Amino acid sequence: MYLRLFLTFFKVSIFTLGGGLAMIPLIQREVVEKKKWIGKEEFLDVIAISNSLPGSIAVNIATPIGYKLSGRLGALFAAMGAVLPPFTVIIMVASVVLSIRDYPVMEAMFKGIRPCVVALIATAVLNLSRAAAINRRTVVIPAAIILAVVLLRIHPVYVVLLAVLVSIVRLWYRKRSDRDDLSEIGS
């Protein structure tokens, strides 16, 4: 299983341009749809947690999936699979970047890659919005977050912290409400 975890995340990582967010649809296809290691809702939870943690989103996604399937060593092998390709590429690119950065061909190549990355991120958003059960009623929350971040320029960290706080308050209120209901039944 360790080798399967490593190779799965290595494959996703080596064939993804555009960073962690562009990896999400590929990781979803591999671990949710093909291998069925986790379900869509659990994958959505992993992404939510991964986005709120510092570091590479690919590693933050690979680690809990690896841990769930094979414990600490599984987490290590999955994370290493996600890290090794970009690490190798960064070392190679860094060694030649100064000599190629001014070539028009390289500039044109990167301009051509950008729309592809945007499309991959949009695909992930659409797929995950279905799994998140976003509907007409619940679309208010993502819309409000987009407005807060884009128009009001509120830092995403504050949005995540507010979401955590609201979730804790809702859980506390729900537990208190359940306790009150039970005490009324006992009276």
N, C-alpha and C. Protein backbone atom coordinates (compact mmCIF):
# COMPACT_ATOMS: atom_id res chain seq x y z
N MET A 1 0.83 -1.20 0.00
CA MET A 1 0.00 0.00 0.00
C MET A 1 0.87 1.26 0.00
N TYR A 2 2.03 1.20 0.68
CA TYR A 2 2.90 2.36 0.72
C TYR A 2 3.34 2.78 -0.69
N LEU A 3 3.73 1.80 -1.48
CA LEU A 3 4.16 2.09 -2.84
C LEU A 3 3.00 2.63 -3.67
N ARG A 4 1.81 2.08 -3.49
CA ARG A 4 0.64 2.58 -4.23
C ARG A 4 0.34 4.03 -3.86
N LEU A 5 0.43 4.36 -2.59
CA LEU A 5 0.22 5.74 -2.16
C LEU A 5 1.27 6.67 -2.78
N PHE A 6 2.53 6.25 -2.68
CA PHE A 6 3.61 7.06 -3.23
C PHE A 6 3.42 7.28 -4.73
N LEU A 7 3.18 6.20 -5.46
CA LEU A 7 3.05 6.30 -6.92
C LEU A 7 1.82 7.10 -7.34
N THR A 8 0.73 6.98 -6.62
CA THR A 8 -0.48 7.73 -6.95
C THR A 8 -0.22 9.23 -6.84
N PHE A 9 0.33 9.66 -5.72
CA PHE A 9 0.57 11.09 -5.54
C PHE A 9 1.75 11.58 -6.37
N PHE A 10 2.70 10.71 -6.63
CA PHE A 10 3.81 11.06 -7.52
C PHE A 10 3.28 11.32 -8.93
N LYS A 11 2.41 10.42 -9.40
CA LYS A 11 1.84 10.57 -10.75
C LYS A 11 1.04 11.86 -10.87
N VAL A 12 0.20 12.12 -9.89
CA VAL A 12 -0.61 13.35 -9.92
C VAL A 12 0.31 14.56 -9.90
N SER A 13 1.31 14.53 -9.05
CA SER A 13 2.20 15.66 -8.89
C SER A 13 3.06 15.91 -10.12
N ILE A 14 3.52 14.86 -10.76
CA ILE A 14 4.42 15.03 -11.91
C ILE A 14 3.68 15.55 -13.15
N PHE A 15 2.39 15.27 -13.24
CA PHE A 15 1.65 15.67 -14.43
C PHE A 15 0.80 16.93 -14.23
N THR A 16 0.99 17.62 -13.12
CA THR A 16 0.18 18.80 -12.84
C THR A 16 1.03 20.05 -12.96
N LEU A 17 0.56 20.97 -13.79
CA LEU A 17 1.16 22.30 -13.87
C LEU A 17 0.20 23.26 -13.19
N GLY A 18 0.76 24.23 -12.48
CA GLY A 18 -0.09 25.26 -11.91
C GLY A 18 -0.26 25.16 -10.41
N GLY A 19 0.42 24.24 -9.76
CA GLY A 19 0.37 24.20 -8.31
C GLY A 19 -0.74 23.34 -7.74
N GLY A 20 -0.88 23.43 -6.43
CA GLY A 20 -1.78 22.56 -5.68
C GLY A 20 -3.23 22.62 -6.09
N LEU A 21 -3.77 23.83 -6.32
CA LEU A 21 -5.19 23.91 -6.68
C LEU A 21 -5.48 23.21 -7.99
N ALA A 22 -4.54 23.27 -8.92
CA ALA A 22 -4.73 22.58 -10.19
C ALA A 22 -4.67 21.07 -10.03
N MET A 23 -4.11 20.60 -8.91
CA MET A 23 -4.01 19.17 -8.65
C MET A 23 -5.32 18.58 -8.15
N ILE A 24 -6.18 19.39 -7.59
CA ILE A 24 -7.38 18.89 -6.92
C ILE A 24 -8.22 17.99 -7.81
N PRO A 25 -8.54 18.38 -9.06
CA PRO A 25 -9.35 17.46 -9.86
C PRO A 25 -8.63 16.15 -10.19
N LEU A 26 -7.31 16.21 -10.33
CA LEU A 26 -6.56 14.98 -10.62
C LEU A 26 -6.51 14.07 -9.39
N ILE A 27 -6.29 14.67 -8.23
CA ILE A 27 -6.29 13.87 -6.99
C ILE A 27 -7.67 13.27 -6.78
N GLN A 28 -8.71 14.06 -7.00
CA GLN A 28 -10.08 13.56 -6.83
C GLN A 28 -10.33 12.37 -7.76
N ARG A 29 -9.91 12.48 -9.00
CA ARG A 29 -10.12 11.39 -9.95
C ARG A 29 -9.40 10.11 -9.47
N GLU A 30 -8.18 10.27 -8.99
CA GLU A 30 -7.40 9.11 -8.56
C GLU A 30 -7.92 8.47 -7.28
N VAL A 31 -8.10 9.29 -6.22
CA VAL A 31 -8.39 8.71 -4.90
C VAL A 31 -9.87 8.51 -4.63
N VAL A 32 -10.74 9.28 -5.31
CA VAL A 32 -12.18 9.14 -5.07
C VAL A 32 -12.83 8.27 -6.14
N GLU A 33 -12.58 8.60 -7.40
CA GLU A 33 -13.29 7.92 -8.48
C GLU A 33 -12.63 6.60 -8.90
N LYS A 34 -11.33 6.59 -9.13
CA LYS A 34 -10.67 5.37 -9.60
C LYS A 34 -10.43 4.37 -8.46
N LYS A 35 -9.70 4.80 -7.44
CA LYS A 35 -9.29 3.87 -6.38
C LYS A 35 -10.32 3.75 -5.26
N LYS A 36 -11.24 4.72 -5.17
CA LYS A 36 -12.30 4.73 -4.16
C LYS A 36 -11.74 4.57 -2.74
N TRP A 37 -10.63 5.27 -2.48
CA TRP A 37 -10.03 5.24 -1.16
C TRP A 37 -10.85 6.05 -0.16
N ILE A 38 -11.45 7.14 -0.64
CA ILE A 38 -12.33 7.95 0.21
C ILE A 38 -13.51 8.42 -0.64
N GLY A 39 -14.58 8.85 0.02
CA GLY A 39 -15.76 9.34 -0.68
C GLY A 39 -15.64 10.82 -1.02
N LYS A 40 -16.58 11.31 -1.81
CA LYS A 40 -16.57 12.71 -2.23
C LYS A 40 -16.68 13.66 -1.05
N GLU A 41 -17.57 13.35 -0.13
CA GLU A 41 -17.76 14.24 1.02
C GLU A 41 -16.52 14.28 1.90
N GLU A 42 -15.90 13.12 2.10
CA GLU A 42 -14.68 13.08 2.89
C GLU A 42 -13.55 13.83 2.18
N PHE A 43 -13.49 13.71 0.85
CA PHE A 43 -12.51 14.44 0.06
C PHE A 43 -12.72 15.94 0.22
N LEU A 44 -13.96 16.37 0.21
CA LEU A 44 -14.28 17.78 0.40
C LEU A 44 -13.81 18.25 1.77
N ASP A 45 -14.00 17.42 2.79
CA ASP A 45 -13.52 17.77 4.14
C ASP A 45 -12.00 17.89 4.17
N VAL A 46 -11.32 16.96 3.49
CA VAL A 46 -9.85 17.00 3.43
C VAL A 46 -9.39 18.29 2.76
N ILE A 47 -10.06 18.69 1.69
CA ILE A 47 -9.70 19.93 0.99
C ILE A 47 -9.93 21.14 1.89
N ALA A 48 -11.04 21.15 2.59
CA ALA A 48 -11.33 22.27 3.49
C ALA A 48 -10.25 22.41 4.55
N ILE A 49 -9.86 21.31 5.15
CA ILE A 49 -8.81 21.33 6.17
C ILE A 49 -7.48 21.71 5.54
N SER A 50 -7.19 21.14 4.36
CA SER A 50 -5.92 21.40 3.68
C SER A 50 -5.75 22.86 3.32
N ASN A 51 -6.84 23.51 2.94
CA ASN A 51 -6.77 24.93 2.59
C ASN A 51 -6.55 25.82 3.80
N SER A 52 -6.90 25.33 4.96
CA SER A 52 -6.74 26.15 6.16
C SER A 52 -5.41 25.92 6.86
N LEU A 53 -4.61 25.00 6.35
CA LEU A 53 -3.30 24.72 6.93
C LEU A 53 -2.20 25.39 6.12
N PRO A 54 -1.10 25.75 6.76
CA PRO A 54 0.02 26.29 5.99
C PRO A 54 0.70 25.20 5.18
N GLY A 55 1.35 25.60 4.11
CA GLY A 55 2.10 24.65 3.31
C GLY A 55 1.40 24.28 2.02
N SER A 56 2.00 23.35 1.34
CA SER A 56 1.51 22.90 0.04
C SER A 56 0.19 22.17 0.19
N ILE A 57 -0.78 22.57 -0.61
CA ILE A 57 -2.10 21.93 -0.54
C ILE A 57 -2.00 20.46 -0.97
N ALA A 58 -1.11 20.17 -1.91
CA ALA A 58 -0.96 18.78 -2.37
C ALA A 58 -0.49 17.89 -1.22
N VAL A 59 0.47 18.37 -0.46
CA VAL A 59 0.97 17.61 0.69
C VAL A 59 -0.10 17.54 1.77
N ASN A 60 -0.82 18.64 1.97
CA ASN A 60 -1.88 18.68 2.98
C ASN A 60 -3.05 17.76 2.62
N ILE A 61 -3.24 17.48 1.35
CA ILE A 61 -4.28 16.53 0.93
C ILE A 61 -3.74 15.11 1.00
N ALA A 62 -2.52 14.90 0.53
CA ALA A 62 -1.93 13.56 0.49
C ALA A 62 -1.74 12.97 1.88
N THR A 63 -1.32 13.79 2.83
CA THR A 63 -0.97 13.29 4.16
C THR A 63 -2.16 12.64 4.89
N PRO A 64 -3.32 13.30 5.01
CA PRO A 64 -4.41 12.61 5.73
C PRO A 64 -4.96 11.40 4.98
N ILE A 65 -4.92 11.45 3.65
CA ILE A 65 -5.38 10.28 2.89
C ILE A 65 -4.43 9.11 3.14
N GLY A 66 -3.13 9.37 3.07
CA GLY A 66 -2.15 8.32 3.37
C GLY A 66 -2.29 7.80 4.78
N TYR A 67 -2.54 8.71 5.74
CA TYR A 67 -2.70 8.31 7.13
C TYR A 67 -3.92 7.42 7.31
N LYS A 68 -5.02 7.80 6.67
CA LYS A 68 -6.24 7.01 6.80
C LYS A 68 -6.03 5.58 6.28
N LEU A 69 -5.30 5.47 5.18
CA LEU A 69 -5.14 4.16 4.55
C LEU A 69 -4.05 3.31 5.18
N SER A 70 -2.96 3.95 5.67
CA SER A 70 -1.84 3.15 6.17
C SER A 70 -1.08 3.78 7.33
N GLY A 71 -1.74 4.61 8.09
CA GLY A 71 -1.11 5.17 9.28
C GLY A 71 -0.01 6.17 8.96
N ARG A 72 0.92 6.30 9.89
CA ARG A 72 1.99 7.30 9.77
C ARG A 72 2.87 7.07 8.55
N LEU A 73 3.23 5.82 8.31
CA LEU A 73 4.07 5.55 7.13
C LEU A 73 3.31 5.82 5.84
N GLY A 74 2.03 5.55 5.82
CA GLY A 74 1.22 5.86 4.66
C GLY A 74 1.18 7.36 4.41
N ALA A 75 1.06 8.14 5.48
CA ALA A 75 1.07 9.60 5.36
C ALA A 75 2.42 10.07 4.81
N LEU A 76 3.49 9.48 5.30
CA LEU A 76 4.83 9.85 4.83
C LEU A 76 5.03 9.51 3.35
N PHE A 77 4.63 8.32 2.94
CA PHE A 77 4.80 7.91 1.54
C PHE A 77 3.94 8.76 0.60
N ALA A 78 2.71 9.04 1.00
CA ALA A 78 1.83 9.88 0.17
C ALA A 78 2.40 11.29 0.05
N ALA A 79 2.85 11.84 1.17
CA ALA A 79 3.43 13.20 1.14
C ALA A 79 4.69 13.24 0.30
N MET A 80 5.53 12.24 0.41
CA MET A 80 6.76 12.21 -0.39
C MET A 80 6.44 12.09 -1.88
N GLY A 81 5.42 11.34 -2.21
CA GLY A 81 5.00 11.25 -3.61
C GLY A 81 4.55 12.59 -4.15
N ALA A 82 3.89 13.38 -3.32
CA ALA A 82 3.43 14.70 -3.74
C ALA A 82 4.57 15.71 -3.80
N VAL A 83 5.60 15.54 -2.98
CA VAL A 83 6.68 16.51 -2.87
C VAL A 83 7.80 16.28 -3.89
N LEU A 84 8.13 15.05 -4.15
CA LEU A 84 9.32 14.75 -4.96
C LEU A 84 9.31 15.36 -6.35
N PRO A 85 8.25 15.25 -7.16
CA PRO A 85 8.30 15.86 -8.49
C PRO A 85 8.49 17.38 -8.49
N PRO A 86 7.70 18.15 -7.71
CA PRO A 86 7.94 19.59 -7.75
C PRO A 86 9.29 19.99 -7.17
N PHE A 87 9.75 19.27 -6.18
CA PHE A 87 11.08 19.55 -5.61
C PHE A 87 12.15 19.38 -6.67
N THR A 88 12.08 18.28 -7.40
CA THR A 88 13.06 18.01 -8.46
C THR A 88 12.98 19.06 -9.56
N VAL A 89 11.76 19.40 -9.96
CA VAL A 89 11.58 20.41 -11.01
C VAL A 89 12.10 21.77 -10.53
N ILE A 90 11.82 22.14 -9.30
CA ILE A 90 12.29 23.43 -8.78
C ILE A 90 13.81 23.49 -8.79
N ILE A 91 14.46 22.42 -8.41
CA ILE A 91 15.93 22.39 -8.41
C ILE A 91 16.44 22.55 -9.84
N MET A 92 15.83 21.84 -10.79
CA MET A 92 16.27 21.92 -12.18
C MET A 92 16.01 23.31 -12.76
N VAL A 93 14.81 23.83 -12.53
CA VAL A 93 14.45 25.14 -13.08
C VAL A 93 15.32 26.24 -12.46
N ALA A 94 15.53 26.16 -11.18
CA ALA A 94 16.34 27.17 -10.51
C ALA A 94 17.75 27.23 -11.07
N SER A 95 18.26 26.09 -11.51
CA SER A 95 19.62 26.08 -12.03
C SER A 95 19.74 26.72 -13.41
N VAL A 96 18.63 26.82 -14.16
CA VAL A 96 18.69 27.40 -15.50
C VAL A 96 17.81 28.63 -15.70
N VAL A 97 17.05 29.02 -14.68
CA VAL A 97 16.06 30.09 -14.85
C VAL A 97 16.68 31.41 -15.30
N LEU A 98 17.83 31.74 -14.80
CA LEU A 98 18.45 33.01 -15.17
C LEU A 98 18.84 33.04 -16.65
N SER A 99 19.17 31.89 -17.21
CA SER A 99 19.59 31.88 -18.61
C SER A 99 18.43 31.80 -19.60
N ILE A 100 17.22 31.40 -19.15
CA ILE A 100 16.11 31.25 -20.10
C ILE A 100 14.97 32.24 -19.90
N ARG A 101 14.99 33.01 -18.83
CA ARG A 101 13.83 33.82 -18.50
C ARG A 101 13.50 34.90 -19.52
N ASP A 102 14.47 35.33 -20.30
CA ASP A 102 14.24 36.40 -21.26
C ASP A 102 13.88 35.91 -22.65
N TYR A 103 13.82 34.61 -22.87
CA TYR A 103 13.46 34.09 -24.19
C TYR A 103 11.97 34.25 -24.44
N PRO A 104 11.59 34.80 -25.58
CA PRO A 104 10.17 34.99 -25.90
C PRO A 104 9.39 33.68 -25.94
N VAL A 105 10.03 32.59 -26.33
CA VAL A 105 9.36 31.29 -26.40
C VAL A 105 8.91 30.85 -25.00
N MET A 106 9.76 31.06 -24.02
CA MET A 106 9.40 30.68 -22.65
C MET A 106 8.26 31.54 -22.13
N GLU A 107 8.33 32.82 -22.41
CA GLU A 107 7.27 33.73 -21.99
C GLU A 107 5.93 33.34 -22.62
N ALA A 108 5.97 33.01 -23.91
CA ALA A 108 4.75 32.60 -24.62
C ALA A 108 4.22 31.28 -24.08
N MET A 109 5.12 30.36 -23.75
CA MET A 109 4.70 29.06 -23.22
C MET A 109 3.93 29.23 -21.91
N PHE A 110 4.45 30.06 -21.01
CA PHE A 110 3.78 30.25 -19.74
C PHE A 110 2.46 30.99 -19.90
N LYS A 111 2.38 31.90 -20.84
CA LYS A 111 1.10 32.56 -21.10
C LYS A 111 0.07 31.57 -21.63
N GLY A 112 0.51 30.57 -22.37
CA GLY A 112 -0.40 29.55 -22.88
C GLY A 112 -0.86 28.58 -21.81
N ILE A 113 -0.03 28.35 -20.82
CA ILE A 113 -0.37 27.42 -19.74
C ILE A 113 -1.40 28.02 -18.78
N ARG A 114 -1.38 29.32 -18.58
CA ARG A 114 -2.27 29.97 -17.61
C ARG A 114 -3.75 29.63 -17.79
N PRO A 115 -4.30 29.73 -19.02
CA PRO A 115 -5.73 29.40 -19.18
C PRO A 115 -6.04 27.94 -18.82
N CYS A 116 -5.10 27.06 -19.07
CA CYS A 116 -5.28 25.65 -18.72
C CYS A 116 -5.39 25.48 -17.21
N VAL A 117 -4.54 26.18 -16.49
CA VAL A 117 -4.57 26.11 -15.02
C VAL A 117 -5.88 26.67 -14.48
N VAL A 118 -6.34 27.78 -15.04
CA VAL A 118 -7.62 28.37 -14.62
C VAL A 118 -8.76 27.38 -14.86
N ALA A 119 -8.74 26.71 -16.00
CA ALA A 119 -9.78 25.73 -16.32
C ALA A 119 -9.74 24.55 -15.34
N LEU A 120 -8.56 24.09 -14.97
CA LEU A 120 -8.46 22.99 -14.00
C LEU A 120 -9.01 23.40 -12.64
N ILE A 121 -8.71 24.62 -12.21
CA ILE A 121 -9.23 25.09 -10.93
C ILE A 121 -10.75 25.24 -11.00
N ALA A 122 -11.27 25.77 -12.11
CA ALA A 122 -12.72 25.90 -12.27
C ALA A 122 -13.41 24.54 -12.25
N THR A 123 -12.78 23.54 -12.87
CA THR A 123 -13.32 22.18 -12.85
C THR A 123 -13.41 21.65 -11.43
N ALA A 124 -12.36 21.87 -10.65
CA ALA A 124 -12.37 21.43 -9.25
C ALA A 124 -13.48 22.11 -8.47
N VAL A 125 -13.65 23.41 -8.69
CA VAL A 125 -14.70 24.15 -7.99
C VAL A 125 -16.08 23.58 -8.33
N LEU A 126 -16.32 23.34 -9.61
CA LEU A 126 -17.63 22.80 -10.02
C LEU A 126 -17.87 21.41 -9.44
N ASN A 127 -16.87 20.54 -9.52
CA ASN A 127 -17.02 19.18 -8.98
C ASN A 127 -17.25 19.20 -7.47
N LEU A 128 -16.50 20.03 -6.78
CA LEU A 128 -16.62 20.06 -5.32
C LEU A 128 -17.89 20.76 -4.88
N SER A 129 -18.40 21.70 -5.67
CA SER A 129 -19.65 22.35 -5.29
C SER A 129 -20.79 21.35 -5.31
N ARG A 130 -20.74 20.38 -6.20
CA ARG A 130 -21.77 19.33 -6.21
C ARG A 130 -21.67 18.47 -4.96
N ALA A 131 -20.43 18.10 -4.60
CA ALA A 131 -20.23 17.27 -3.40
C ALA A 131 -20.58 18.03 -2.13
N ALA A 132 -20.44 19.35 -2.16
CA ALA A 132 -20.74 20.16 -0.98
C ALA A 132 -22.23 20.43 -0.84
N ALA A 133 -23.00 19.93 -1.79
CA ALA A 133 -24.45 20.11 -1.79
C ALA A 133 -24.84 21.58 -1.78
N ILE A 134 -24.11 22.36 -2.57
CA ILE A 134 -24.44 23.78 -2.69
C ILE A 134 -25.66 23.89 -3.60
N ASN A 135 -26.69 24.55 -3.07
CA ASN A 135 -27.92 24.73 -3.82
C ASN A 135 -28.33 26.20 -3.76
N ARG A 136 -29.53 26.52 -4.21
CA ARG A 136 -29.96 27.92 -4.22
C ARG A 136 -29.93 28.54 -2.83
N ARG A 137 -30.29 27.74 -1.84
CA ARG A 137 -30.34 28.25 -0.47
C ARG A 137 -28.93 28.46 0.10
N THR A 138 -28.06 27.51 -0.16
CA THR A 138 -26.72 27.58 0.43
C THR A 138 -25.71 28.33 -0.43
N VAL A 139 -26.09 28.78 -1.61
CA VAL A 139 -25.17 29.53 -2.46
C VAL A 139 -24.81 30.88 -1.86
N VAL A 140 -25.59 31.33 -0.89
CA VAL A 140 -25.34 32.61 -0.24
C VAL A 140 -23.97 32.60 0.45
N ILE A 141 -23.62 31.51 1.07
CA ILE A 141 -22.36 31.45 1.82
C ILE A 141 -21.15 31.61 0.88
N PRO A 142 -21.01 30.78 -0.18
CA PRO A 142 -19.86 31.00 -1.07
C PRO A 142 -19.88 32.38 -1.73
N ALA A 143 -21.07 32.86 -2.08
CA ALA A 143 -21.16 34.19 -2.71
C ALA A 143 -20.69 35.27 -1.74
N ALA A 144 -21.09 35.18 -0.49
CA ALA A 144 -20.66 36.15 0.52
C ALA A 144 -19.15 36.10 0.73
N ILE A 145 -18.60 34.91 0.71
CA ILE A 145 -17.15 34.76 0.89
C ILE A 145 -16.41 35.37 -0.29
N ILE A 146 -16.89 35.12 -1.49
CA ILE A 146 -16.26 35.71 -2.68
C ILE A 146 -16.30 37.23 -2.60
N LEU A 147 -17.45 37.78 -2.24
CA LEU A 147 -17.58 39.24 -2.11
C LEU A 147 -16.63 39.78 -1.03
N ALA A 148 -16.57 39.09 0.09
CA ALA A 148 -15.71 39.54 1.19
C ALA A 148 -14.24 39.55 0.79
N VAL A 149 -13.82 38.51 0.09
CA VAL A 149 -12.40 38.41 -0.28
C VAL A 149 -12.06 39.31 -1.46
N VAL A 150 -12.90 39.31 -2.49
CA VAL A 150 -12.57 40.05 -3.72
C VAL A 150 -12.90 41.53 -3.59
N LEU A 151 -14.13 41.85 -3.21
CA LEU A 151 -14.54 43.26 -3.19
C LEU A 151 -14.12 43.99 -1.92
N LEU A 152 -14.30 43.35 -0.78
CA LEU A 152 -13.96 44.01 0.49
C LEU A 152 -12.50 43.81 0.87
N ARG A 153 -11.82 42.93 0.12
CA ARG A 153 -10.39 42.65 0.32
C ARG A 153 -10.08 42.14 1.74
N ILE A 154 -10.99 41.34 2.27
CA ILE A 154 -10.76 40.70 3.57
C ILE A 154 -9.86 39.51 3.32
N HIS A 155 -8.83 39.39 4.11
CA HIS A 155 -7.87 38.31 3.92
C HIS A 155 -8.55 36.95 4.14
N PRO A 156 -8.27 35.96 3.26
CA PRO A 156 -8.91 34.64 3.40
C PRO A 156 -8.70 33.98 4.76
N VAL A 157 -7.60 34.27 5.43
CA VAL A 157 -7.37 33.69 6.75
C VAL A 157 -8.47 34.12 7.72
N TYR A 158 -8.87 35.39 7.65
CA TYR A 158 -9.93 35.87 8.53
C TYR A 158 -11.27 35.22 8.19
N VAL A 159 -11.50 34.97 6.92
CA VAL A 159 -12.73 34.29 6.50
C VAL A 159 -12.76 32.87 7.05
N VAL A 160 -11.63 32.17 6.96
CA VAL A 160 -11.55 30.80 7.50
C VAL A 160 -11.73 30.81 9.01
N LEU A 161 -11.08 31.74 9.70
CA LEU A 161 -11.23 31.83 11.16
C LEU A 161 -12.67 32.12 11.56
N LEU A 162 -13.33 33.01 10.81
CA LEU A 162 -14.75 33.30 11.08
C LEU A 162 -15.60 32.05 10.86
N ALA A 163 -15.32 31.30 9.81
CA ALA A 163 -16.07 30.07 9.53
C ALA A 163 -15.89 29.06 10.66
N VAL A 164 -14.67 28.94 11.18
CA VAL A 164 -14.41 28.03 12.31
C VAL A 164 -15.19 28.50 13.53
N LEU A 165 -15.15 29.79 13.80
CA LEU A 165 -15.86 30.34 14.95
C LEU A 165 -17.37 30.11 14.82
N VAL A 166 -17.92 30.38 13.67
CA VAL A 166 -19.37 30.17 13.45
C VAL A 166 -19.71 28.69 13.63
N SER A 167 -18.87 27.80 13.12
CA SER A 167 -19.12 26.36 13.27
C SER A 167 -19.10 25.93 14.73
N ILE A 168 -18.16 26.46 15.49
CA ILE A 168 -18.07 26.12 16.92
C ILE A 168 -19.30 26.63 17.66
N VAL A 169 -19.72 27.86 17.37
CA VAL A 169 -20.91 28.43 18.02
C VAL A 169 -22.15 27.61 17.67
N ARG A 170 -22.29 27.24 16.38
CA ARG A 170 -23.45 26.42 15.96
C ARG A 170 -23.45 25.07 16.67
N LEU A 171 -22.29 24.44 16.77
CA LEU A 171 -22.19 23.15 17.45
C LEU A 171 -22.56 23.30 18.92
N TRP A 172 -22.02 24.33 19.58
CA TRP A 172 -22.33 24.57 20.97
C TRP A 172 -23.83 24.80 21.15
N TYR A 173 -24.42 25.63 20.28
CA TYR A 173 -25.85 25.93 20.37
C TYR A 173 -26.68 24.66 20.15
N ARG A 174 -26.28 23.85 19.18
CA ARG A 174 -27.01 22.61 18.88
C ARG A 174 -26.95 21.65 20.08
N LYS A 175 -25.76 21.51 20.68
CA LYS A 175 -25.63 20.62 21.84
C LYS A 175 -26.46 21.14 23.02
N ARG A 176 -26.45 22.44 23.22
CA ARG A 176 -27.22 23.04 24.31
C ARG A 176 -28.71 22.83 24.06
N SER A 177 -29.14 23.02 22.82
CA SER A 177 -30.54 22.84 22.45
C SER A 177 -30.96 21.38 22.67
N ASP A 178 -30.09 20.44 22.29
CA ASP A 178 -30.39 19.02 22.50
C ASP A 178 -30.51 18.70 23.99
N ARG A 179 -29.64 19.29 24.82
CA ARG A 179 -29.69 19.08 26.27
C ARG A 179 -30.99 19.61 26.85
N ASP A 180 -31.38 20.81 26.37
CA ASP A 180 -32.63 21.40 26.86
C ASP A 180 -33.81 20.53 26.48
N ASP A 181 -33.80 20.00 25.25
CA ASP A 181 -34.90 19.11 24.81
C ASP A 181 -34.97 17.86 25.66
N LEU A 182 -33.82 17.29 26.01
CA LEU A 182 -33.79 16.10 26.85
C LEU A 182 -34.28 16.40 28.26
N SER A 183 -33.94 17.56 28.81
CA SER A 183 -34.39 17.89 30.16
C SER A 183 -35.90 18.13 30.20
N GLU A 184 -36.46 18.66 29.11
CA GLU A 184 -37.91 18.85 29.06
C GLU A 184 -38.64 17.51 29.00
N ILE A 185 -38.02 16.55 28.30
CA ILE A 185 -38.65 15.21 28.20
C ILE A 185 -38.64 14.54 29.57
N GLY A 186 -37.55 14.74 30.32
CA GLY A 186 -37.42 14.12 31.63
C GLY A 186 -38.32 14.75 32.69
N SER A 187 -38.82 15.95 32.44
CA SER A 187 -39.65 16.67 33.45
C SER A 187 -41.03 16.12 33.53
